[in-house]
Amino acid sequence: MDAKITLSFDAKVIERAKKYAESQNISLSRLMEMLLDKITSKQYASLEDFPIADWVSQLSEGAPEYHTKPRKRSKMKDEYRNRKK
């Protein structure tokens, strides 16, 4: 049975969380439900004991920046073929 709750967050955090939830094809409500369920279903002495996934940290601190070197198309084909073996 679903129940409603009202929470207050920083507007920037809400926007980032909405974007993340959308990218995962899940509602913000279900995302929060999953997180709260995970926190409360196990025995943690404090929040510091709770293993926070990288994506949760990214939500609170902003999106990570990934720096990659451009790859040549031929090298990408070779990598693909090698994975198939």
N, C-alpha and C. Protein backbone atom coordinates (compact mmCIF):
# COMPACT_ATOMS: atom_id res chain seq x y z
N MET A 1 0.84 -1.17 0.00
CA MET A 1 0.00 0.00 0.00
C MET A 1 0.89 1.24 0.00
N ASP A 2 0.65 2.12 -0.92
CA ASP A 2 1.42 3.36 -0.99
C ASP A 2 0.85 4.39 -0.03
N ALA A 3 1.74 5.19 0.55
CA ALA A 3 1.36 6.31 1.41
C ALA A 3 2.14 7.52 0.95
N LYS A 4 1.59 8.68 1.12
CA LYS A 4 2.25 9.91 0.68
C LYS A 4 3.05 10.51 1.83
N ILE A 5 4.13 11.22 1.44
CA ILE A 5 5.00 11.87 2.40
C ILE A 5 5.49 13.16 1.76
N THR A 6 5.71 14.18 2.55
CA THR A 6 6.24 15.43 2.04
C THR A 6 7.65 15.63 2.60
N LEU A 7 8.60 15.84 1.70
CA LEU A 7 10.00 16.05 2.09
C LEU A 7 10.49 17.35 1.48
N SER A 8 11.49 17.94 2.07
CA SER A 8 12.09 19.16 1.53
C SER A 8 13.56 18.92 1.25
N PHE A 9 13.98 19.28 0.03
CA PHE A 9 15.37 19.14 -0.39
C PHE A 9 15.80 20.42 -1.08
N ASP A 10 17.10 20.60 -1.21
CA ASP A 10 17.63 21.70 -2.00
C ASP A 10 17.16 21.52 -3.44
N ALA A 11 16.73 22.60 -4.08
CA ALA A 11 16.17 22.54 -5.44
C ALA A 11 17.15 21.92 -6.44
N LYS A 12 18.44 22.21 -6.30
CA LYS A 12 19.43 21.65 -7.22
C LYS A 12 19.54 20.14 -7.06
N VAL A 13 19.45 19.66 -5.84
CA VAL A 13 19.51 18.23 -5.58
C VAL A 13 18.28 17.55 -6.20
N ILE A 14 17.13 18.16 -6.06
CA ILE A 14 15.91 17.60 -6.64
C ILE A 14 16.03 17.50 -8.15
N GLU A 15 16.52 18.53 -8.80
CA GLU A 15 16.65 18.51 -10.26
C GLU A 15 17.61 17.41 -10.71
N ARG A 16 18.75 17.29 -10.01
CA ARG A 16 19.70 16.23 -10.37
C ARG A 16 19.08 14.85 -10.15
N ALA A 17 18.37 14.70 -9.05
CA ALA A 17 17.74 13.41 -8.75
C ALA A 17 16.66 13.07 -9.78
N LYS A 18 15.89 14.06 -10.20
CA LYS A 18 14.86 13.82 -11.24
C LYS A 18 15.51 13.37 -12.54
N LYS A 19 16.58 14.04 -12.93
CA LYS A 19 17.28 13.67 -14.16
C LYS A 19 17.84 12.26 -14.06
N TYR A 20 18.41 11.95 -12.91
CA TYR A 20 18.96 10.60 -12.73
C TYR A 20 17.85 9.56 -12.80
N ALA A 21 16.77 9.79 -12.08
CA ALA A 21 15.65 8.83 -12.07
C ALA A 21 15.12 8.64 -13.48
N GLU A 22 14.97 9.73 -14.22
CA GLU A 22 14.48 9.63 -15.59
C GLU A 22 15.44 8.82 -16.46
N SER A 23 16.73 9.03 -16.28
CA SER A 23 17.70 8.28 -17.08
C SER A 23 17.67 6.79 -16.76
N GLN A 24 17.16 6.43 -15.58
CA GLN A 24 17.06 5.04 -15.17
C GLN A 24 15.65 4.47 -15.39
N ASN A 25 14.79 5.28 -16.03
CA ASN A 25 13.40 4.87 -16.29
C ASN A 25 12.66 4.48 -15.01
N ILE A 26 12.81 5.31 -14.00
CA ILE A 26 12.14 5.08 -12.72
C ILE A 26 11.66 6.43 -12.21
N SER A 27 10.59 6.42 -11.46
CA SER A 27 10.10 7.69 -10.91
C SER A 27 10.98 8.09 -9.73
N LEU A 28 10.96 9.36 -9.43
CA LEU A 28 11.72 9.86 -8.28
C LEU A 28 11.18 9.22 -6.99
N SER A 29 9.88 9.03 -6.92
CA SER A 29 9.29 8.39 -5.74
C SER A 29 9.83 6.98 -5.55
N ARG A 30 9.90 6.20 -6.63
CA ARG A 30 10.40 4.82 -6.52
C ARG A 30 11.89 4.80 -6.20
N LEU A 31 12.63 5.76 -6.74
CA LEU A 31 14.06 5.86 -6.43
C LEU A 31 14.25 6.09 -4.93
N MET A 32 13.50 7.03 -4.38
CA MET A 32 13.60 7.32 -2.95
C MET A 32 13.14 6.12 -2.12
N GLU A 33 12.09 5.45 -2.58
CA GLU A 33 11.60 4.27 -1.88
C GLU A 33 12.68 3.19 -1.84
N MET A 34 13.35 2.97 -2.96
CA MET A 34 14.41 1.97 -3.01
C MET A 34 15.54 2.32 -2.04
N LEU A 35 15.95 3.59 -2.04
CA LEU A 35 17.03 4.01 -1.14
C LEU A 35 16.63 3.86 0.33
N LEU A 36 15.43 4.32 0.66
CA LEU A 36 14.98 4.22 2.05
C LEU A 36 14.80 2.75 2.47
N ASP A 37 14.32 1.93 1.57
CA ASP A 37 14.17 0.51 1.87
C ASP A 37 15.53 -0.12 2.14
N LYS A 38 16.50 0.23 1.33
CA LYS A 38 17.85 -0.32 1.49
C LYS A 38 18.46 0.11 2.83
N ILE A 39 18.28 1.37 3.17
CA ILE A 39 18.84 1.89 4.42
C ILE A 39 18.19 1.23 5.63
N THR A 40 16.88 1.07 5.58
CA THR A 40 16.16 0.60 6.77
C THR A 40 16.04 -0.92 6.87
N SER A 41 16.36 -1.65 5.81
CA SER A 41 16.19 -3.11 5.86
C SER A 41 17.39 -3.83 6.46
N LYS A 42 18.48 -3.15 6.64
CA LYS A 42 19.68 -3.76 7.22
C LYS A 42 20.03 -3.06 8.52
N GLN A 43 20.87 -3.70 9.28
CA GLN A 43 21.25 -3.14 10.57
C GLN A 43 22.54 -2.32 10.44
N TYR A 44 22.39 -1.03 10.35
CA TYR A 44 23.55 -0.14 10.30
C TYR A 44 23.55 0.70 11.57
N ALA A 45 24.68 0.76 12.21
CA ALA A 45 24.78 1.53 13.46
C ALA A 45 24.62 3.02 13.20
N SER A 46 25.09 3.48 12.04
CA SER A 46 24.97 4.89 11.69
C SER A 46 25.01 5.03 10.18
N LEU A 47 24.74 6.22 9.69
CA LEU A 47 24.80 6.44 8.25
C LEU A 47 26.21 6.26 7.70
N GLU A 48 27.21 6.47 8.55
CA GLU A 48 28.59 6.28 8.11
C GLU A 48 28.87 4.82 7.77
N ASP A 49 28.12 3.90 8.39
CA ASP A 49 28.29 2.47 8.12
C ASP A 49 27.61 2.04 6.83
N PHE A 50 26.69 2.83 6.36
CA PHE A 50 25.92 2.47 5.16
C PHE A 50 26.79 2.61 3.92
N PRO A 51 26.93 1.53 3.13
CA PRO A 51 27.76 1.61 1.93
C PRO A 51 27.04 2.38 0.81
N ILE A 52 27.45 3.59 0.61
CA ILE A 52 26.80 4.44 -0.39
C ILE A 52 27.44 4.18 -1.75
N ALA A 53 26.61 3.88 -2.72
CA ALA A 53 27.09 3.63 -4.07
C ALA A 53 27.61 4.91 -4.69
N ASP A 54 28.48 4.77 -5.68
CA ASP A 54 29.06 5.93 -6.35
C ASP A 54 28.00 6.85 -6.92
N TRP A 55 26.92 6.27 -7.48
CA TRP A 55 25.92 7.12 -8.11
C TRP A 55 25.19 7.99 -7.10
N VAL A 56 25.07 7.54 -5.86
CA VAL A 56 24.44 8.36 -4.83
C VAL A 56 25.34 9.55 -4.52
N SER A 57 26.63 9.30 -4.42
CA SER A 57 27.57 10.40 -4.20
C SER A 57 27.53 11.37 -5.36
N GLN A 58 27.42 10.86 -6.58
CA GLN A 58 27.35 11.72 -7.75
C GLN A 58 26.11 12.60 -7.71
N LEU A 59 25.00 12.05 -7.24
CA LEU A 59 23.78 12.85 -7.13
C LEU A 59 23.98 14.00 -6.16
N SER A 60 24.63 13.72 -5.05
CA SER A 60 24.78 14.75 -4.04
C SER A 60 25.89 15.75 -4.39
N GLU A 61 26.87 15.32 -5.16
CA GLU A 61 28.01 16.19 -5.45
C GLU A 61 28.04 16.70 -6.88
N GLY A 62 27.16 16.21 -7.74
CA GLY A 62 27.16 16.61 -9.14
C GLY A 62 27.67 15.49 -10.03
N ALA A 63 27.40 15.63 -11.29
CA ALA A 63 27.78 14.59 -12.24
C ALA A 63 29.29 14.50 -12.39
N PRO A 64 29.81 13.28 -12.53
CA PRO A 64 31.25 13.12 -12.72
C PRO A 64 31.65 13.53 -14.14
N GLU A 65 32.88 13.87 -14.31
CA GLU A 65 33.40 14.17 -15.64
C GLU A 65 34.32 13.04 -16.06
N TYR A 66 34.05 12.49 -17.22
CA TYR A 66 34.87 11.41 -17.73
C TYR A 66 35.72 11.95 -18.86
N HIS A 67 37.00 11.68 -18.79
CA HIS A 67 37.92 12.12 -19.83
C HIS A 67 38.48 10.88 -20.51
N THR A 68 38.17 10.75 -21.77
CA THR A 68 38.65 9.60 -22.52
C THR A 68 39.40 10.08 -23.75
N LYS A 69 40.29 9.25 -24.18
CA LYS A 69 41.03 9.55 -25.40
C LYS A 69 40.20 9.08 -26.59
N PRO A 70 40.13 9.87 -27.65
CA PRO A 70 39.40 9.41 -28.83
C PRO A 70 40.06 8.15 -29.40
N ARG A 71 39.22 7.20 -29.81
CA ARG A 71 39.74 5.96 -30.38
C ARG A 71 39.46 5.93 -31.87
N LYS A 72 40.37 5.30 -32.59
CA LYS A 72 40.17 5.14 -34.01
C LYS A 72 39.13 4.07 -34.27
N ARG A 73 38.36 4.25 -35.32
CA ARG A 73 37.31 3.31 -35.67
C ARG A 73 37.85 1.89 -35.88
N SER A 74 39.00 1.78 -36.53
CA SER A 74 39.58 0.46 -36.79
C SER A 74 39.94 -0.24 -35.48
N LYS A 75 40.43 0.52 -34.50
CA LYS A 75 40.79 -0.07 -33.22
C LYS A 75 39.53 -0.53 -32.48
N MET A 76 38.45 0.22 -32.59
CA MET A 76 37.20 -0.16 -31.96
C MET A 76 36.66 -1.46 -32.56
N LYS A 77 36.79 -1.61 -33.89
CA LYS A 77 36.36 -2.85 -34.55
C LYS A 77 37.17 -4.03 -34.04
N ASP A 78 38.48 -3.84 -33.92
CA ASP A 78 39.34 -4.91 -33.42
C ASP A 78 38.96 -5.31 -32.00
N GLU A 79 38.70 -4.32 -31.15
CA GLU A 79 38.30 -4.60 -29.77
C GLU A 79 37.00 -5.39 -29.74
N TYR A 80 36.06 -5.01 -30.60
CA TYR A 80 34.78 -5.70 -30.67
C TYR A 80 34.98 -7.16 -31.10
N ARG A 81 35.76 -7.36 -32.13
CA ARG A 81 36.01 -8.71 -32.63
C ARG A 81 36.71 -9.57 -31.56
N ASN A 82 37.64 -8.99 -30.85
CA ASN A 82 38.38 -9.74 -29.82
C ASN A 82 37.46 -10.14 -28.65
N ARG A 83 36.47 -9.33 -28.35
CA ARG A 83 35.54 -9.67 -27.28
C ARG A 83 34.64 -10.83 -27.67
N LYS A 84 34.37 -10.97 -28.94
CA LYS A 84 33.50 -12.04 -29.43
C LYS A 84 34.15 -13.41 -29.31
N LYS A 85 35.48 -13.45 -29.26
CA LYS A 85 36.21 -14.74 -29.25
C LYS A 85 36.08 -15.45 -27.94
